[in-house]
Amino acid sequence: SAIIFFRPRKFSKNPFNIGNIVVSSSTSWSIIVESKNSGFLV
């Protein structure tokens, strides 16, 4: 789980990297992503 914090500024970089996920798997896999706020920063 990761919490995204954002402070809007006139010159905010967009888009931006909020982090990296490293997957190491010896079998098949998939990733599921869910947003608590349905894709909105509140």
PDB file of all heavy atoms in Angstrom:
ATOM      1  N   SER A   1       0.841  -1.187   0.000  1.00  0.00           N
ATOM      2  CA  SER A   1       0.000   0.000   0.000  1.00  0.00           C
ATOM      3  C   SER A   1       0.878   1.239   0.000  1.00  0.00           C
ATOM      4  O   SER A   1       1.910   1.265   0.653  1.00  0.00           O
ATOM      5  CB  SER A   1      -0.919   0.033   1.220  1.00  0.00           C
ATOM      6  OG  SER A   1      -1.861  -0.998   1.145  1.00  0.00           O
ATOM      7  N   ALA A   2       0.462   2.235  -0.729  1.00  0.00           N
ATOM      8  CA  ALA A   2       1.198   3.496  -0.779  1.00  0.00           C
ATOM      9  C   ALA A   2       0.205   4.639  -0.722  1.00  0.00           C
ATOM     10  O   ALA A   2      -0.840   4.588  -1.356  1.00  0.00           O
ATOM     11  CB  ALA A   2       2.008   3.583  -2.067  1.00  0.00           C
ATOM     12  N   ILE A   3       0.537   5.630   0.063  1.00  0.00           N
ATOM     13  CA  ILE A   3      -0.290   6.831   0.115  1.00  0.00           C
ATOM     14  C   ILE A   3       0.373   7.875  -0.766  1.00  0.00           C
ATOM     15  O   ILE A   3       1.571   8.113  -0.663  1.00  0.00           O
ATOM     16  CB  ILE A   3      -0.433   7.355   1.552  1.00  0.00           C
ATOM     17  CG1 ILE A   3      -1.139   6.314   2.417  1.00  0.00           C
ATOM     18  CG2 ILE A   3      -1.192   8.676   1.563  1.00  0.00           C
ATOM     19  CD1 ILE A   3      -1.244   6.697   3.871  1.00  0.00           C
ATOM     20  N   ILE A   4      -0.404   8.467  -1.652  1.00  0.00           N
ATOM     21  CA  ILE A   4       0.102   9.519  -2.524  1.00  0.00           C
ATOM     22  C   ILE A   4      -0.239  10.854  -1.876  1.00  0.00           C
ATOM     23  O   ILE A   4      -1.403  11.126  -1.575  1.00  0.00           O
ATOM     24  CB  ILE A   4      -0.571   9.466  -3.913  1.00  0.00           C
ATOM     25  CG1 ILE A   4      -0.344   8.113  -4.565  1.00  0.00           C
ATOM     26  CG2 ILE A   4      -0.068  10.592  -4.796  1.00  0.00           C
ATOM     27  CD1 ILE A   4      -1.185   7.912  -5.807  1.00  0.00           C
ATOM     28  N   PHE A   5       0.758  11.680  -1.641  1.00  0.00           N
ATOM     29  CA  PHE A   5       0.550  13.041  -1.162  1.00  0.00           C
ATOM     30  C   PHE A   5       0.947  13.985  -2.282  1.00  0.00           C
ATOM     31  O   PHE A   5       1.956  13.778  -2.942  1.00  0.00           O
ATOM     32  CB  PHE A   5       1.420  13.347   0.056  1.00  0.00           C
ATOM     33  CG  PHE A   5       1.032  12.592   1.288  1.00  0.00           C
ATOM     34  CD1 PHE A   5       1.717  11.457   1.659  1.00  0.00           C
ATOM     35  CD2 PHE A   5      -0.017  13.027   2.071  1.00  0.00           C
ATOM     36  CE1 PHE A   5       1.376  10.758   2.793  1.00  0.00           C
ATOM     37  CE2 PHE A   5      -0.373  12.335   3.215  1.00  0.00           C
ATOM     38  CZ  PHE A   5       0.325  11.200   3.585  1.00  0.00           C
ATOM     39  N   PHE A   6       0.179  15.022  -2.483  1.00  0.00           N
ATOM     40  CA  PHE A   6       0.483  15.972  -3.546  1.00  0.00           C
ATOM     41  C   PHE A   6       0.139  17.372  -3.084  1.00  0.00           C
ATOM     42  O   PHE A   6      -0.937  17.606  -2.543  1.00  0.00           O
ATOM     43  CB  PHE A   6      -0.314  15.629  -4.809  1.00  0.00           C
ATOM     44  CG  PHE A   6      -0.123  16.618  -5.914  1.00  0.00           C
ATOM     45  CD1 PHE A   6       1.067  16.668  -6.613  1.00  0.00           C
ATOM     46  CD2 PHE A   6      -1.115  17.514  -6.233  1.00  0.00           C
ATOM     47  CE1 PHE A   6       1.262  17.584  -7.622  1.00  0.00           C
ATOM     48  CE2 PHE A   6      -0.934  18.436  -7.245  1.00  0.00           C
ATOM     49  CZ  PHE A   6       0.261  18.467  -7.940  1.00  0.00           C
ATOM     50  N   ARG A   7       1.058  18.287  -3.259  1.00  0.00           N
ATOM     51  CA  ARG A   7       0.813  19.703  -2.981  1.00  0.00           C
ATOM     52  C   ARG A   7       0.851  20.434  -4.320  1.00  0.00           C
ATOM     53  O   ARG A   7       1.919  20.538  -4.931  1.00  0.00           O
ATOM     54  CB  ARG A   7       1.889  20.265  -2.053  1.00  0.00           C
ATOM     55  CG  ARG A   7       1.881  19.670  -0.683  1.00  0.00           C
ATOM     56  CD  ARG A   7       2.959  20.357   0.162  1.00  0.00           C
ATOM     57  NE  ARG A   7       3.238  19.626   1.364  1.00  0.00           N
ATOM     58  CZ  ARG A   7       2.550  19.713   2.495  1.00  0.00           C
ATOM     59  NH1 ARG A   7       1.510  20.496   2.565  1.00  0.00           N
ATOM     60  NH2 ARG A   7       2.883  19.015   3.555  1.00  0.00           N
ATOM     61  N   PRO A   8      -0.312  20.927  -4.777  1.00  0.00           N
ATOM     62  CA  PRO A   8      -0.318  21.594  -6.087  1.00  0.00           C
ATOM     63  C   PRO A   8       0.512  22.875  -6.059  1.00  0.00           C
ATOM     64  O   PRO A   8       0.430  23.650  -5.131  1.00  0.00           O
ATOM     65  CB  PRO A   8      -1.794  21.887  -6.336  1.00  0.00           C
ATOM     66  CG  PRO A   8      -2.457  21.803  -5.021  1.00  0.00           C
ATOM     67  CD  PRO A   8      -1.627  20.912  -4.155  1.00  0.00           C
ATOM     68  N   ARG A   9       1.335  23.024  -7.065  1.00  0.00           N
ATOM     69  CA  ARG A   9       2.132  24.228  -7.246  1.00  0.00           C
ATOM     70  C   ARG A   9       2.008  24.660  -8.690  1.00  0.00           C
ATOM     71  O   ARG A   9       1.716  23.849  -9.563  1.00  0.00           O
ATOM     72  CB  ARG A   9       3.606  23.955  -6.918  1.00  0.00           C
ATOM     73  CG  ARG A   9       3.860  23.781  -5.446  1.00  0.00           C
ATOM     74  CD  ARG A   9       5.350  23.578  -5.208  1.00  0.00           C
ATOM     75  NE  ARG A   9       5.456  22.283  -4.550  1.00  0.00           N
ATOM     76  CZ  ARG A   9       6.329  21.354  -4.823  1.00  0.00           C
ATOM     77  NH1 ARG A   9       7.227  21.546  -5.742  1.00  0.00           N
ATOM     78  NH2 ARG A   9       6.336  20.225  -4.173  1.00  0.00           N
ATOM     79  N   LYS A  10       2.256  25.897  -8.916  1.00  0.00           N
ATOM     80  CA  LYS A  10       2.126  26.425 -10.267  1.00  0.00           C
ATOM     81  C   LYS A  10       2.983  25.647 -11.262  1.00  0.00           C
ATOM     82  O   LYS A  10       2.600  25.436 -12.394  1.00  0.00           O
ATOM     83  CB  LYS A  10       2.507  27.906 -10.264  1.00  0.00           C
ATOM     84  CG  LYS A  10       2.261  28.596 -11.576  1.00  0.00           C
ATOM     85  CD  LYS A  10       2.535  30.070 -11.467  1.00  0.00           C
ATOM     86  CE  LYS A  10       2.237  30.749 -12.784  1.00  0.00           C
ATOM     87  NZ  LYS A  10       2.499  32.177 -12.732  1.00  0.00           N
ATOM     88  N   PHE A  11       4.157  25.204 -10.829  1.00  0.00           N
ATOM     89  CA  PHE A  11       5.074  24.550 -11.749  1.00  0.00           C
ATOM     90  C   PHE A  11       5.276  23.077 -11.404  1.00  0.00           C
ATOM     91  O   PHE A  11       6.355  22.547 -11.571  1.00  0.00           O
ATOM     92  CB  PHE A  11       6.415  25.291 -11.758  1.00  0.00           C
ATOM     93  CG  PHE A  11       6.277  26.721 -12.177  1.00  0.00           C
ATOM     94  CD1 PHE A  11       6.395  27.742 -11.249  1.00  0.00           C
ATOM     95  CD2 PHE A  11       5.994  27.057 -13.495  1.00  0.00           C
ATOM     96  CE1 PHE A  11       6.252  29.069 -11.634  1.00  0.00           C
ATOM     97  CE2 PHE A  11       5.852  28.376 -13.876  1.00  0.00           C
ATOM     98  CZ  PHE A  11       5.975  29.388 -12.949  1.00  0.00           C
ATOM     99  N   SER A  12       4.237  22.410 -10.925  1.00  0.00           N
ATOM    100  CA  SER A  12       4.359  20.992 -10.595  1.00  0.00           C
ATOM    101  C   SER A  12       4.677  20.183 -11.843  1.00  0.00           C
ATOM    102  O   SER A  12       4.091  20.393 -12.904  1.00  0.00           O
ATOM    103  CB  SER A  12       3.060  20.463  -9.974  1.00  0.00           C
ATOM    104  OG  SER A  12       2.848  21.034  -8.716  1.00  0.00           O
ATOM    105  N   LYS A  13       5.617  19.263 -11.707  1.00  0.00           N
ATOM    106  CA  LYS A  13       5.987  18.391 -12.817  1.00  0.00           C
ATOM    107  C   LYS A  13       4.842  17.415 -13.072  1.00  0.00           C
ATOM    108  O   LYS A  13       4.284  16.847 -12.146  1.00  0.00           O
ATOM    109  CB  LYS A  13       7.258  17.637 -12.434  1.00  0.00           C
ATOM    110  CG  LYS A  13       7.813  16.767 -13.515  1.00  0.00           C
ATOM    111  CD  LYS A  13       9.091  16.093 -13.030  1.00  0.00           C
ATOM    112  CE  LYS A  13       9.597  15.120 -14.044  1.00  0.00           C
ATOM    113  NZ  LYS A  13      10.743  14.372 -13.540  1.00  0.00           N
ATOM    114  N   ASN A  14       4.506  17.207 -14.314  1.00  0.00           N
ATOM    115  CA  ASN A  14       3.398  16.327 -14.667  1.00  0.00           C
ATOM    116  C   ASN A  14       3.722  15.678 -16.010  1.00  0.00           C
ATOM    117  O   ASN A  14       3.936  16.393 -16.975  1.00  0.00           O
ATOM    118  CB  ASN A  14       2.112  17.148 -14.774  1.00  0.00           C
ATOM    119  CG  ASN A  14       0.870  16.305 -14.822  1.00  0.00           C
ATOM    120  OD1 ASN A  14       0.801  15.227 -14.280  1.00  0.00           O
ATOM    121  ND2 ASN A  14      -0.138  16.824 -15.490  1.00  0.00           N
ATOM    122  N   PRO A  15       3.793  14.390 -16.179  1.00  0.00           N
ATOM    123  CA  PRO A  15       3.605  13.334 -15.169  1.00  0.00           C
ATOM    124  C   PRO A  15       4.832  13.177 -14.272  1.00  0.00           C
ATOM    125  O   PRO A  15       5.892  13.729 -14.562  1.00  0.00           O
ATOM    126  CB  PRO A  15       3.400  12.081 -16.008  1.00  0.00           C
ATOM    127  CG  PRO A  15       4.138  12.339 -17.276  1.00  0.00           C
ATOM    128  CD  PRO A  15       4.050  13.835 -17.507  1.00  0.00           C
ATOM    129  N   PHE A  16       4.684  12.397 -13.195  1.00  0.00           N
ATOM    130  CA  PHE A  16       5.825  12.172 -12.329  1.00  0.00           C
ATOM    131  C   PHE A  16       5.829  10.763 -11.753  1.00  0.00           C
ATOM    132  O   PHE A  16       4.799  10.118 -11.633  1.00  0.00           O
ATOM    133  CB  PHE A  16       5.921  13.233 -11.228  1.00  0.00           C
ATOM    134  CG  PHE A  16       4.682  13.399 -10.405  1.00  0.00           C
ATOM    135  CD1 PHE A  16       4.539  12.750  -9.198  1.00  0.00           C
ATOM    136  CD2 PHE A  16       3.659  14.228 -10.834  1.00  0.00           C
ATOM    137  CE1 PHE A  16       3.406  12.908  -8.428  1.00  0.00           C
ATOM    138  CE2 PHE A  16       2.520  14.403 -10.067  1.00  0.00           C
ATOM    139  CZ  PHE A  16       2.398  13.740  -8.870  1.00  0.00           C
ATOM    140  N   ASN A  17       7.053  10.316 -11.437  1.00  0.00           N
ATOM    141  CA  ASN A  17       7.270   8.966 -10.906  1.00  0.00           C
ATOM    142  C   ASN A  17       7.073   9.002  -9.401  1.00  0.00           C
ATOM    143  O   ASN A  17       7.739   9.763  -8.713  1.00  0.00           O
ATOM    144  CB  ASN A  17       8.694   8.521 -11.257  1.00  0.00           C
ATOM    145  CG  ASN A  17       8.989   7.099 -10.834  1.00  0.00           C
ATOM    146  OD1 ASN A  17       8.426   6.575  -9.891  1.00  0.00           O
ATOM    147  ND2 ASN A  17       9.908   6.472 -11.533  1.00  0.00           N
ATOM    148  N   ILE A  18       6.179   8.163  -8.889  1.00  0.00           N
ATOM    149  CA  ILE A  18       5.982   8.131  -7.440  1.00  0.00           C
ATOM    150  C   ILE A  18       6.703   6.961  -6.789  1.00  0.00           C
ATOM    151  O   ILE A  18       6.673   6.821  -5.572  1.00  0.00           O
ATOM    152  CB  ILE A  18       4.484   8.136  -7.048  1.00  0.00           C
ATOM    153  CG1 ILE A  18       3.769   6.897  -7.542  1.00  0.00           C
ATOM    154  CG2 ILE A  18       3.812   9.397  -7.537  1.00  0.00           C
ATOM    155  CD1 ILE A  18       2.399   6.738  -6.938  1.00  0.00           C
ATOM    156  N   GLY A  19       7.366   6.133  -7.586  1.00  0.00           N
ATOM    157  CA  GLY A  19       8.130   5.029  -7.025  1.00  0.00           C
ATOM    158  C   GLY A  19       8.273   3.892  -8.020  1.00  0.00           C
ATOM    159  O   GLY A  19       7.713   3.935  -9.121  1.00  0.00           O
ATOM    160  N   ASN A  20       9.033   2.882  -7.637  1.00  0.00           N
ATOM    161  CA  ASN A  20       9.249   1.716  -8.479  1.00  0.00           C
ATOM    162  C   ASN A  20       8.806   0.467  -7.738  1.00  0.00           C
ATOM    163  O   ASN A  20       9.005   0.357  -6.530  1.00  0.00           O
ATOM    164  CB  ASN A  20      10.722   1.580  -8.854  1.00  0.00           C
ATOM    165  CG  ASN A  20      11.182   2.718  -9.730  1.00  0.00           C
ATOM    166  OD1 ASN A  20      10.485   3.145 -10.629  1.00  0.00           O
ATOM    167  ND2 ASN A  20      12.357   3.235  -9.460  1.00  0.00           N
ATOM    168  N   ILE A  21       8.232  -0.457  -8.473  1.00  0.00           N
ATOM    169  CA  ILE A  21       7.857  -1.759  -7.931  1.00  0.00           C
ATOM    170  C   ILE A  21       8.761  -2.774  -8.621  1.00  0.00           C
ATOM    171  O   ILE A  21       8.898  -2.756  -9.846  1.00  0.00           O
ATOM    172  CB  ILE A  21       6.379  -2.070  -8.218  1.00  0.00           C
ATOM    173  CG1 ILE A  21       5.494  -1.052  -7.517  1.00  0.00           C
ATOM    174  CG2 ILE A  21       6.027  -3.491  -7.807  1.00  0.00           C
ATOM    175  CD1 ILE A  21       4.045  -1.103  -7.931  1.00  0.00           C
ATOM    176  N   VAL A  22       9.389  -3.635  -7.842  1.00  0.00           N
ATOM    177  CA  VAL A  22      10.233  -4.683  -8.412  1.00  0.00           C
ATOM    178  C   VAL A  22       9.548  -6.021  -8.169  1.00  0.00           C
ATOM    179  O   VAL A  22       9.274  -6.386  -7.025  1.00  0.00           O
ATOM    180  CB  VAL A  22      11.648  -4.686  -7.798  1.00  0.00           C
ATOM    181  CG1 VAL A  22      12.483  -5.813  -8.402  1.00  0.00           C
ATOM    182  CG2 VAL A  22      12.324  -3.339  -8.019  1.00  0.00           C
ATOM    183  N   VAL A  23       9.245  -6.724  -9.250  1.00  0.00           N
ATOM    184  CA  VAL A  23       8.598  -8.033  -9.166  1.00  0.00           C
ATOM    185  C   VAL A  23       9.640  -9.098  -9.464  1.00  0.00           C
ATOM    186  O   VAL A  23      10.338  -9.027 -10.480  1.00  0.00           O
ATOM    187  CB  VAL A  23       7.435  -8.145 -10.173  1.00  0.00           C
ATOM    188  CG1 VAL A  23       6.800  -9.532 -10.113  1.00  0.00           C
ATOM    189  CG2 VAL A  23       6.399  -7.057  -9.930  1.00  0.00           C
ATOM    190  N   SER A  24       9.737 -10.068  -8.574  1.00  0.00           N
ATOM    191  CA  SER A  24      10.603 -11.226  -8.784  1.00  0.00           C
ATOM    192  C   SER A  24       9.741 -12.462  -8.562  1.00  0.00           C
ATOM    193  O   SER A  24       9.286 -12.708  -7.449  1.00  0.00           O
ATOM    194  CB  SER A  24      11.777 -11.194  -7.803  1.00  0.00           C
ATOM    195  OG  SER A  24      12.607 -12.308  -8.025  1.00  0.00           O
ATOM    196  N   SER A  25       9.483 -13.199  -9.619  1.00  0.00           N
ATOM    197  CA  SER A  25       8.572 -14.329  -9.532  1.00  0.00           C
ATOM    198  C   SER A  25       9.069 -15.485 -10.396  1.00  0.00           C
ATOM    199  O   SER A  25       9.446 -15.282 -11.548  1.00  0.00           O
ATOM    200  CB  SER A  25       7.169 -13.914  -9.989  1.00  0.00           C
ATOM    201  OG  SER A  25       6.285 -15.005  -9.933  1.00  0.00           O
ATOM    202  N   SER A  26       9.030 -16.683  -9.841  1.00  0.00           N
ATOM    203  CA  SER A  26       9.433 -17.874 -10.596  1.00  0.00           C
ATOM    204  C   SER A  26       8.235 -18.516 -11.297  1.00  0.00           C
ATOM    205  O   SER A  26       8.390 -19.522 -11.988  1.00  0.00           O
ATOM    206  CB  SER A  26      10.096 -18.884  -9.663  1.00  0.00           C
ATOM    207  OG  SER A  26       9.195 -19.265  -8.642  1.00  0.00           O
ATOM    208  N   THR A  27       7.048 -17.927 -11.111  1.00  0.00           N
ATOM    209  CA  THR A  27       5.836 -18.425 -11.766  1.00  0.00           C
ATOM    210  C   THR A  27       5.148 -17.281 -12.499  1.00  0.00           C
ATOM    211  O   THR A  27       5.569 -16.126 -12.402  1.00  0.00           O
ATOM    212  CB  THR A  27       4.848 -19.019 -10.736  1.00  0.00           C
ATOM    213  OG1 THR A  27       4.412 -17.971  -9.863  1.00  0.00           O
ATOM    214  CG2 THR A  27       5.488 -20.131  -9.914  1.00  0.00           C
ATOM    215  N   SER A  28       4.067 -17.586 -13.191  1.00  0.00           N
ATOM    216  CA  SER A  28       3.273 -16.544 -13.840  1.00  0.00           C
ATOM    217  C   SER A  28       2.667 -15.644 -12.775  1.00  0.00           C
ATOM    218  O   SER A  28       2.423 -16.073 -11.645  1.00  0.00           O
ATOM    219  CB  SER A  28       2.175 -17.173 -14.684  1.00  0.00           C
ATOM    220  OG  SER A  28       2.740 -17.938 -15.724  1.00  0.00           O
ATOM    221  N   TRP A  29       2.388 -14.395 -13.157  1.00  0.00           N
ATOM    222  CA  TRP A  29       1.884 -13.435 -12.185  1.00  0.00           C
ATOM    223  C   TRP A  29       1.115 -12.318 -12.884  1.00  0.00           C
ATOM    224  O   TRP A  29       1.202 -12.138 -14.088  1.00  0.00           O
ATOM    225  CB  TRP A  29       3.038 -12.837 -11.362  1.00  0.00           C
ATOM    226  CG  TRP A  29       4.086 -12.179 -12.219  1.00  0.00           C
ATOM    227  CD1 TRP A  29       5.109 -12.794 -12.878  1.00  0.00           C
ATOM    228  CD2 TRP A  29       4.172 -10.797 -12.555  1.00  0.00           C
ATOM    229  NE1 TRP A  29       5.843 -11.868 -13.594  1.00  0.00           N
ATOM    230  CE2 TRP A  29       5.297 -10.634 -13.403  1.00  0.00           C
ATOM    231  CE3 TRP A  29       3.429  -9.666 -12.216  1.00  0.00           C
ATOM    232  CZ2 TRP A  29       5.674  -9.401 -13.920  1.00  0.00           C
ATOM    233  CZ3 TRP A  29       3.814  -8.430 -12.718  1.00  0.00           C
ATOM    234  CH2 TRP A  29       4.923  -8.305 -13.566  1.00  0.00           C
ATOM    235  N   SER A  30       0.363 -11.570 -12.096  1.00  0.00           N
ATOM    236  CA  SER A  30      -0.291 -10.349 -12.564  1.00  0.00           C
ATOM    237  C   SER A  30      -0.316  -9.368 -11.404  1.00  0.00           C
ATOM    238  O   SER A  30      -0.074  -9.746 -10.252  1.00  0.00           O
ATOM    239  CB  SER A  30      -1.703 -10.624 -13.083  1.00  0.00           C
ATOM    240  OG  SER A  30      -2.535 -11.059 -12.038  1.00  0.00           O
ATOM    241  N   ILE A  31      -0.577  -8.125 -11.703  1.00  0.00           N
ATOM    242  CA  ILE A  31      -0.653  -7.088 -10.671  1.00  0.00           C
ATOM    243  C   ILE A  31      -2.061  -6.510 -10.665  1.00  0.00           C
ATOM    244  O   ILE A  31      -2.659  -6.275 -11.725  1.00  0.00           O
ATOM    245  CB  ILE A  31       0.381  -5.971 -10.919  1.00  0.00           C
ATOM    246  CG1 ILE A  31       1.782  -6.502 -10.642  1.00  0.00           C
ATOM    247  CG2 ILE A  31       0.095  -4.748 -10.052  1.00  0.00           C
ATOM    248  CD1 ILE A  31       2.874  -5.467 -10.719  1.00  0.00           C
ATOM    249  N   ILE A  32      -2.561  -6.292  -9.469  1.00  0.00           N
ATOM    250  CA  ILE A  32      -3.873  -5.666  -9.256  1.00  0.00           C
ATOM    251  C   ILE A  32      -3.629  -4.343  -8.541  1.00  0.00           C
ATOM    252  O   ILE A  32      -2.906  -4.298  -7.540  1.00  0.00           O
ATOM    253  CB  ILE A  32      -4.776  -6.574  -8.403  1.00  0.00           C
ATOM    254  CG1 ILE A  32      -4.940  -7.937  -9.085  1.00  0.00           C
ATOM    255  CG2 ILE A  32      -6.118  -5.911  -8.139  1.00  0.00           C
ATOM    256  CD1 ILE A  32      -5.522  -9.002  -8.181  1.00  0.00           C
ATOM    257  N   VAL A  33      -4.220  -3.261  -9.056  1.00  0.00           N
ATOM    258  CA  VAL A  33      -4.073  -1.942  -8.437  1.00  0.00           C
ATOM    259  C   VAL A  33      -5.462  -1.408  -8.118  1.00  0.00           C
ATOM    260  O   VAL A  33      -6.334  -1.379  -8.991  1.00  0.00           O
ATOM    261  CB  VAL A  33      -3.330  -0.949  -9.361  1.00  0.00           C
ATOM    262  CG1 VAL A  33      -3.171   0.401  -8.682  1.00  0.00           C
ATOM    263  CG2 VAL A  33      -1.979  -1.506  -9.777  1.00  0.00           C
ATOM    264  N   GLU A  34      -5.645  -0.982  -6.862  1.00  0.00           N
ATOM    265  CA  GLU A  34      -6.910  -0.389  -6.426  1.00  0.00           C
ATOM    266  C   GLU A  34      -6.647   0.962  -5.791  1.00  0.00           C
ATOM    267  O   GLU A  34      -5.655   1.145  -5.090  1.00  0.00           O
ATOM    268  CB  GLU A  34      -7.608  -1.283  -5.405  1.00  0.00           C
ATOM    269  CG  GLU A  34      -8.093  -2.589  -5.965  1.00  0.00           C
ATOM    270  CD  GLU A  34      -8.809  -3.411  -4.917  1.00  0.00           C
ATOM    271  OE1 GLU A  34      -8.133  -3.868  -3.975  1.00  0.00           O
ATOM    272  OE2 GLU A  34     -10.029  -3.593  -5.048  1.00  0.00           O
ATOM    273  N   SER A  35      -7.561   1.890  -6.017  1.00  0.00           N
ATOM    274  CA  SER A  35      -7.487   3.235  -5.460  1.00  0.00           C
ATOM    275  C   SER A  35      -8.612   3.416  -4.448  1.00  0.00           C
ATOM    276  O   SER A  35      -9.775   3.136  -4.751  1.00  0.00           O
ATOM    277  CB  SER A  35      -7.640   4.260  -6.584  1.00  0.00           C
ATOM    278  OG  SER A  35      -7.989   5.525  -6.069  1.00  0.00           O
ATOM    279  N   LYS A  36      -8.274   3.881  -3.265  1.00  0.00           N
ATOM    280  CA  LYS A  36      -9.297   4.130  -2.245  1.00  0.00           C
ATOM    281  C   LYS A  36     -10.296   5.192  -2.707  1.00  0.00           C
ATOM    282  O   LYS A  36     -11.474   5.118  -2.405  1.00  0.00           O
ATOM    283  CB  LYS A  36      -8.636   4.577  -0.940  1.00  0.00           C
ATOM    284  CG  LYS A  36      -9.616   4.865   0.165  1.00  0.00           C
ATOM    285  CD  LYS A  36      -8.923   5.300   1.438  1.00  0.00           C
ATOM    286  CE  LYS A  36      -9.942   5.628   2.509  1.00  0.00           C
ATOM    287  NZ  LYS A  36      -9.283   6.168   3.710  1.00  0.00           N
ATOM    288  N   ASN A  37      -9.811   6.186  -3.476  1.00  0.00           N
ATOM    289  CA  ASN A  37     -10.650   7.310  -3.903  1.00  0.00           C
ATOM    290  C   ASN A  37     -11.007   7.258  -5.390  1.00  0.00           C
ATOM    291  O   ASN A  37     -11.242   8.298  -6.005  1.00  0.00           O
ATOM    292  CB  ASN A  37      -9.955   8.638  -3.579  1.00  0.00           C
ATOM    293  CG  ASN A  37      -9.744   8.826  -2.102  1.00  0.00           C
ATOM    294  OD1 ASN A  37     -10.588   8.478  -1.291  1.00  0.00           O
ATOM    295  ND2 ASN A  37      -8.594   9.357  -1.727  1.00  0.00           N
ATOM    296  N   SER A  38     -11.036   6.070  -5.961  1.00  0.00           N
ATOM    297  CA  SER A  38     -11.445   5.868  -7.359  1.00  0.00           C
ATOM    298  C   SER A  38     -10.661   6.716  -8.351  1.00  0.00           C
ATOM    299  O   SER A  38     -11.214   7.233  -9.323  1.00  0.00           O
ATOM    300  CB  SER A  38     -12.944   6.124  -7.521  1.00  0.00           C
ATOM    301  OG  SER A  38     -13.678   5.239  -6.713  1.00  0.00           O
ATOM    302  N   GLY A  39      -9.354   6.864  -8.120  1.00  0.00           N
ATOM    303  CA  GLY A  39      -8.515   7.585  -9.069  1.00  0.00           C
ATOM    304  C   GLY A  39      -8.504   9.086  -8.892  1.00  0.00           C
ATOM    305  O   GLY A  39      -8.145   9.816  -9.809  1.00  0.00           O
ATOM    306  N   PHE A  40      -8.866   9.560  -7.701  1.00  0.00           N
ATOM    307  CA  PHE A  40      -8.813  10.987  -7.395  1.00  0.00           C
ATOM    308  C   PHE A  40      -7.887  11.222  -6.208  1.00  0.00           C
ATOM    309  O   PHE A  40      -7.900  10.453  -5.241  1.00  0.00           O
ATOM    310  CB  PHE A  40     -10.198  11.533  -7.025  1.00  0.00           C
ATOM    311  CG  PHE A  40     -11.119  11.687  -8.181  1.00  0.00           C
ATOM    312  CD1 PHE A  40     -11.958  10.650  -8.554  1.00  0.00           C
ATOM    313  CD2 PHE A  40     -11.158  12.865  -8.909  1.00  0.00           C
ATOM    314  CE1 PHE A  40     -12.832  10.781  -9.622  1.00  0.00           C
ATOM    315  CE2 PHE A  40     -12.022  13.006  -9.987  1.00  0.00           C
ATOM    316  CZ  PHE A  40     -12.857  11.963 -10.343  1.00  0.00           C
ATOM    317  N   LEU A  41      -7.089  12.284  -6.294  1.00  0.00           N
ATOM    318  CA  LEU A  41      -6.390  12.796  -5.128  1.00  0.00           C
ATOM    319  C   LEU A  41      -7.366  13.741  -4.442  1.00  0.00           C
ATOM    320  O   LEU A  41      -7.925  14.632  -5.090  1.00  0.00           O
ATOM    321  CB  LEU A  41      -5.123  13.542  -5.536  1.00  0.00           C
ATOM    322  CG  LEU A  41      -4.053  12.697  -6.221  1.00  0.00           C
ATOM    323  CD1 LEU A  41      -2.956  13.591  -6.792  1.00  0.00           C
ATOM    324  CD2 LEU A  41      -3.474  11.688  -5.257  1.00  0.00           C
ATOM    325  N   VAL A  42      -7.603  13.547  -3.151  1.00  0.00           N
ATOM    326  CA  VAL A  42      -8.626  14.294  -2.419  1.00  0.00           C
ATOM    327  C   VAL A  42      -7.954  15.223  -1.413  1.00  0.00           C
ATOM    328  O   VAL A  42      -7.055  14.794  -0.668  1.00  0.00           O
ATOM    329  CB  VAL A  42      -9.597  13.328  -1.703  1.00  0.00           C
ATOM    330  CG1 VAL A  42     -10.646  14.097  -0.917  1.00  0.00           C
ATOM    331  CG2 VAL A  42     -10.266  12.409  -2.721  1.00  0.00           C
TER     332      VAL A  42
END
